[in-house]
């Protein structure tokens, strides 16, 4: 097939066909994403009414945790922390946001004076670096060592830091915060989840 000026029309038709196929694929992808979002339902509420804390309320069973302590020879067992709300923070000395977050968590833990049990989980780290880290920031709560990162993985933690908020029984995860917390953000979450201030 040739155009009125003698040139072949096939390249033009191929270009139009390719553009139409691309547009159809884009439309189908958009519809698929909208359908998935509709099936999944609305996003979870944040603890501070949508102010971007990175926090979501959830309700799922907590996995058992039994890990060696960074500071001694004992084993830290999640079940032994039951009786008070539990804040479990996954971190590493090699994680830059953890260096911002740890002083904030430390301040709140000290200020609460034992109303909440805090637990740090040092993930896939070098022990001497972790010890230097907790010494530098004067971390007052227990630190469990997850040297292989397997416990961190079992909790679905893909990036650090992540903080989980557990029920006083230690059997249910009530909330999860992705990214570094400030003292203010942590206090807001504790107040809303546990009525602790």
Foldseek 3Di string as FASTA:
>chain_A
DADPVGHDCVVVVVVVVVVVVVVVVVVVVVVVVVVVDVVVDDAAAALVGPPPQQKGFDKDWDDWDWFAWLVDGHIDTLQVQADAKEKEKEDELPAVLCLVQQLLVQVLVVVLPPNYAYEYEHALYDSVSVVVSCVVSVRPHIYGYHNHRPSVVVVVNDDDIKMWIADSSSTITGMIGPTGGGNVSVVSNCCRPPVGD
